[in-house]
Amino acid sequence: MDVSLHEEKPRLLLIEDDPQLGPLMEQVLTETYAVTLVADGEQGVRAALADDFEVIVVDRRLPSLDGLGVIETLRRKRVTTPMLMLTALGTVRDKVHGLDAGANDYLVKPFEFDELLARLRAIRRTFSGEGTMVAIGAWEFYPESRTIYSPYDGRILLTTRENALLQLLAENPQTTFSRRQILRSVFSKEDQPGTVDTYVHYLRRKTDVDIVLTVRGQGYRLGEI
């Protein structure tokens, strides 16, 4: 393998003691990340403090120091790296404990690797300054950075008006807006109702034809994609 290519991957620390799941996760995650795998909580803390990682995945039950202890220790030492906790404990109480300890997200075993990868992308984007994510079906929309991520084609940058239009619809997914309502919320007084149609077309062409639904005789609403 080309070492330079390996180094360009974002670095991920995986703290997982399951002798089967750990190596399997490492193998899958290595397609996207430069993975460091450790199987002990205290070793995980030492690894996280000794090097820089872009994301950390922590199992809930670990020898020497459990996942909650790992996260709490790292947060006390001012490690701000986004962390995702894995656990077989799926109650609301367990989830609250994990988030209160400082985890950015929580995934219950057994899980699909596609979901794990999507959650890692989401917490990394939020941490990197793209802001709060709004889910639109399988798409991930970040209004603060005018960015939407396609499940097929990756990152798409929106114009200011495209972004404002999609944000209005995404924040009110059950509401149908007339053209005049959209004009008042998104565009200037000088614009005409046809401007709304034009930008709906731009948005559909750039993302997905079903991202905005036309409600005949009423206007537009968020689509289901």
Protein backbone atom coordinates (compact mmCIF):
# COMPACT_ATOMS: atom_id res chain seq x y z
CA MET A 1 0.00 0.00 0.00
CA ASP A 2 1.13 3.56 -0.74
CA VAL A 3 1.98 5.02 2.67
CA SER A 4 1.21 8.57 1.56
CA LEU A 5 -2.33 7.54 0.63
CA HIS A 6 -2.77 5.91 4.02
CA GLU A 7 -1.65 9.08 5.79
CA GLU A 8 -4.17 11.19 3.91
CA LYS A 9 -7.06 9.28 5.46
CA PRO A 10 -8.66 10.75 8.57
CA ARG A 11 -7.32 9.05 11.69
CA LEU A 12 -9.72 6.99 13.79
CA LEU A 13 -9.10 5.41 17.19
CA LEU A 14 -11.17 2.26 17.73
CA ILE A 15 -11.39 1.00 21.33
CA GLU A 16 -13.08 -2.41 21.14
CA ASP A 17 -12.16 -5.58 23.02
CA ASP A 18 -14.35 -8.10 21.15
CA PRO A 19 -11.80 -10.42 19.45
CA GLN A 20 -14.09 -10.93 16.44
CA LEU A 21 -15.87 -7.60 16.10
CA GLY A 22 -12.80 -5.43 16.67
CA PRO A 23 -10.72 -6.76 13.74
CA LEU A 24 -13.84 -6.87 11.53
CA MET A 25 -14.60 -3.21 12.28
CA GLU A 26 -10.97 -2.33 11.67
CA GLN A 27 -11.08 -4.03 8.27
CA VAL A 28 -14.27 -2.21 7.20
CA LEU A 29 -13.28 1.18 8.60
CA THR A 30 -9.82 1.01 7.01
CA GLU A 31 -11.45 1.63 3.63
CA THR A 32 -12.19 5.18 4.82
CA TYR A 33 -9.97 5.80 7.86
CA ALA A 34 -6.46 5.21 9.11
CA VAL A 35 -7.49 3.00 12.04
CA THR A 36 -5.70 2.39 15.32
CA LEU A 37 -7.29 -0.52 17.22
CA VAL A 38 -6.81 -1.06 20.95
CA ALA A 39 -8.68 -3.54 23.14
CA ASP A 40 -8.40 -1.99 26.60
CA GLY A 41 -9.90 1.16 28.13
CA GLU A 42 -6.75 2.46 29.77
CA GLN A 43 -4.72 1.75 26.63
CA GLY A 44 -7.37 3.66 24.70
CA VAL A 45 -6.95 6.70 26.94
CA ARG A 46 -3.17 6.59 26.54
CA ALA A 47 -3.47 6.28 22.76
CA ALA A 48 -5.93 9.20 22.55
CA LEU A 49 -3.67 11.42 24.65
CA ALA A 50 -0.50 10.46 22.79
CA ASP A 51 -1.71 11.20 19.27
CA ASP A 52 -4.20 13.24 17.27
CA PHE A 53 -7.33 11.53 15.94
CA GLU A 54 -10.22 12.99 13.99
CA VAL A 55 -12.77 10.65 15.54
CA ILE A 56 -12.87 8.02 18.31
CA VAL A 57 -15.15 4.97 18.54
CA VAL A 58 -15.47 3.52 22.05
CA ASP A 59 -17.15 0.32 23.18
CA ARG A 60 -19.27 0.61 26.33
CA ARG A 61 -17.86 -2.48 28.08
CA LEU A 62 -14.08 -2.62 28.17
CA PRO A 63 -11.47 -4.19 30.46
CA SER A 64 -9.58 -1.97 32.97
CA LEU A 65 -11.73 1.11 32.25
CA ASP A 66 -15.19 1.02 30.69
CA GLY A 67 -16.32 3.22 27.81
CA LEU A 68 -17.98 5.81 30.04
CA GLY A 69 -14.76 6.12 32.03
CA VAL A 70 -12.71 6.48 28.83
CA ILE A 71 -14.88 9.31 27.53
CA GLU A 72 -15.14 11.08 30.87
CA THR A 73 -11.35 10.90 31.36
CA LEU A 74 -10.64 12.28 27.89
CA ARG A 75 -13.15 15.11 28.28
CA ARG A 76 -11.66 16.06 31.66
CA LYS A 77 -8.28 16.26 29.94
CA ARG A 78 -9.79 18.63 27.36
CA VAL A 79 -9.79 16.18 24.45
CA THR A 80 -12.44 17.60 22.13
CA THR A 81 -12.26 14.90 19.43
CA PRO A 82 -15.77 13.71 18.44
CA MET A 83 -16.57 10.34 20.01
CA LEU A 84 -19.14 7.68 19.22
CA MET A 85 -20.04 5.05 21.82
CA LEU A 86 -20.96 1.48 20.87
CA THR A 87 -23.01 -0.60 23.25
CA ALA A 88 -25.31 -3.58 23.61
CA LEU A 89 -27.27 -1.54 26.18
CA GLY A 90 -30.07 0.19 24.33
CA THR A 91 -32.23 1.76 27.05
CA VAL A 92 -32.85 5.49 27.17
CA ARG A 93 -31.08 5.63 30.53
CA ASP A 94 -27.93 4.03 29.10
CA LYS A 95 -27.99 6.39 26.14
CA VAL A 96 -28.35 9.41 28.42
CA HIS A 97 -25.39 8.21 30.52
CA GLY A 98 -23.25 7.90 27.40
CA LEU A 99 -24.16 11.35 26.11
CA ASP A 100 -23.76 12.92 29.53
CA ALA A 101 -20.27 11.42 29.76
CA GLY A 102 -19.35 13.40 26.66
CA ALA A 103 -20.11 11.12 23.71
CA ASN A 104 -21.30 12.89 20.57
CA ASP A 105 -23.41 9.94 19.43
CA TYR A 106 -24.48 6.49 20.55
CA LEU A 107 -24.97 3.34 18.43
CA VAL A 108 -26.56 0.15 19.73
CA LYS A 109 -25.22 -3.29 18.78
CA PRO A 110 -25.88 -5.08 16.52
CA PHE A 111 -25.58 -2.37 13.89
CA GLU A 112 -25.15 -2.04 10.14
CA PHE A 113 -21.77 -0.75 8.99
CA ASP A 114 -23.48 1.71 6.64
CA GLU A 115 -25.17 3.32 9.64
CA LEU A 116 -21.91 3.43 11.59
CA LEU A 117 -20.14 5.14 8.69
CA ALA A 118 -22.99 7.62 8.25
CA ARG A 119 -22.95 8.54 11.93
CA LEU A 120 -19.19 9.01 11.88
CA ARG A 121 -19.52 11.32 8.88
CA ALA A 122 -22.21 13.30 10.68
CA ILE A 123 -20.30 13.88 13.93
CA ARG A 124 -17.13 14.76 12.03
CA ARG A 125 -18.96 17.32 9.91
CA THR A 126 -20.60 18.91 12.92
CA PHE A 127 -17.26 19.03 14.71
CA SER A 128 -15.49 20.48 11.69
CA GLY A 129 -17.76 23.51 11.67
CA GLU A 130 -20.42 22.60 9.11
CA GLY A 131 -23.04 23.13 11.80
CA THR A 132 -26.20 21.28 12.74
CA MET A 133 -27.37 18.56 10.38
CA VAL A 134 -30.96 18.34 9.13
CA ALA A 135 -31.85 14.91 7.76
CA ILE A 136 -33.86 14.86 4.52
CA GLY A 137 -34.41 11.18 3.92
CA ALA A 138 -30.94 9.73 3.38
CA TRP A 139 -29.54 13.19 2.58
CA GLU A 140 -27.66 15.28 5.17
CA PHE A 141 -28.29 19.03 4.97
CA TYR A 142 -26.10 21.60 6.76
CA PRO A 143 -27.79 25.02 6.37
CA GLU A 144 -25.04 26.91 8.22
CA SER A 145 -22.44 25.95 5.63
CA ARG A 146 -24.81 25.81 2.60
CA THR A 147 -23.93 22.15 2.11
CA ILE A 148 -25.94 19.02 1.42
CA TYR A 149 -24.48 15.51 1.22
CA SER A 150 -25.97 13.10 -1.26
CA PRO A 151 -25.99 9.39 -0.32
CA TYR A 152 -24.74 8.76 -3.87
CA ASP A 153 -22.52 11.64 -4.97
CA GLY A 154 -21.17 13.20 -1.78
CA ARG A 155 -20.89 16.92 -1.02
CA ILE A 156 -22.95 19.50 -2.91
CA LEU A 157 -22.56 23.23 -2.27
CA LEU A 158 -25.72 25.34 -2.57
CA THR A 159 -26.05 29.00 -3.47
CA THR A 160 -27.36 31.38 -0.81
CA ARG A 161 -30.88 31.40 -2.27
CA GLU A 162 -30.99 27.65 -2.91
CA ASN A 163 -29.88 27.11 0.66
CA ALA A 164 -32.46 29.52 2.10
CA LEU A 165 -35.24 27.88 0.09
CA LEU A 166 -34.31 24.37 1.17
CA GLN A 167 -33.86 25.48 4.79
CA LEU A 168 -37.37 26.97 4.86
CA LEU A 169 -38.87 23.72 3.56
CA ALA A 170 -36.67 21.41 5.66
CA GLU A 171 -37.46 23.23 8.91
CA ASN A 172 -41.19 22.98 8.18
CA PRO A 173 -41.51 19.55 6.51
CA GLN A 174 -45.30 19.27 6.98
CA THR A 175 -46.07 22.75 5.63
CA THR A 176 -46.99 23.67 2.07
CA PHE A 177 -45.81 27.20 1.20
CA SER A 178 -47.35 29.34 -1.51
CA ARG A 179 -45.07 31.15 -3.92
CA ARG A 180 -45.81 34.45 -2.20
CA GLN A 181 -44.95 33.02 1.22
CA ILE A 182 -41.65 31.75 -0.14
CA LEU A 183 -40.98 35.12 -1.79
CA ARG A 184 -41.47 36.92 1.54
CA SER A 185 -39.28 34.44 3.45
CA VAL A 186 -36.46 33.81 1.00
CA PHE A 187 -36.35 36.39 -1.78
CA SER A 188 -36.55 40.17 -2.11
CA LYS A 189 -39.62 42.32 -2.73
CA GLU A 190 -38.48 42.99 -6.28
CA ASP A 191 -38.62 39.29 -7.24
CA GLN A 192 -41.61 37.77 -9.00
CA PRO A 193 -43.44 34.49 -8.15
CA GLY A 194 -41.68 32.90 -11.14
CA THR A 195 -38.37 33.32 -9.31
CA VAL A 196 -39.53 30.68 -6.85
CA ASP A 197 -40.16 28.22 -9.68
CA THR A 198 -36.73 28.95 -11.10
CA TYR A 199 -34.95 28.21 -7.84
CA VAL A 200 -37.01 25.08 -7.20
CA HIS A 201 -35.77 23.93 -10.61
CA TYR A 202 -32.17 24.80 -9.72
CA LEU A 203 -32.44 22.92 -6.42
CA ARG A 204 -33.95 19.83 -8.01
CA ARG A 205 -31.36 19.79 -10.78
CA LYS A 206 -28.50 20.08 -8.29
CA THR A 207 -29.82 17.49 -5.82
CA ASP A 208 -32.83 15.27 -6.56
CA VAL A 209 -36.03 15.89 -8.51
CA ASP A 210 -38.10 14.72 -5.51
CA ILE A 211 -36.44 16.95 -2.91
CA VAL A 212 -39.19 19.57 -3.41
CA LEU A 213 -42.78 18.44 -3.91
CA THR A 214 -45.18 20.50 -6.03
CA VAL A 215 -48.63 20.67 -4.42
CA ARG A 216 -50.97 21.53 -7.26
CA GLY A 217 -52.80 24.81 -6.74
CA GLN A 218 -51.04 25.49 -3.42
CA GLY A 219 -47.26 25.74 -3.82
CA TYR A 220 -44.31 23.71 -2.61
CA ARG A 221 -43.31 21.55 0.33
CA LEU A 222 -40.39 19.32 1.28
CA GLY A 223 -40.38 16.10 -0.69
CA GLU A 224 -39.66 12.57 0.50
CA ILE A 225 -36.36 11.23 -0.83
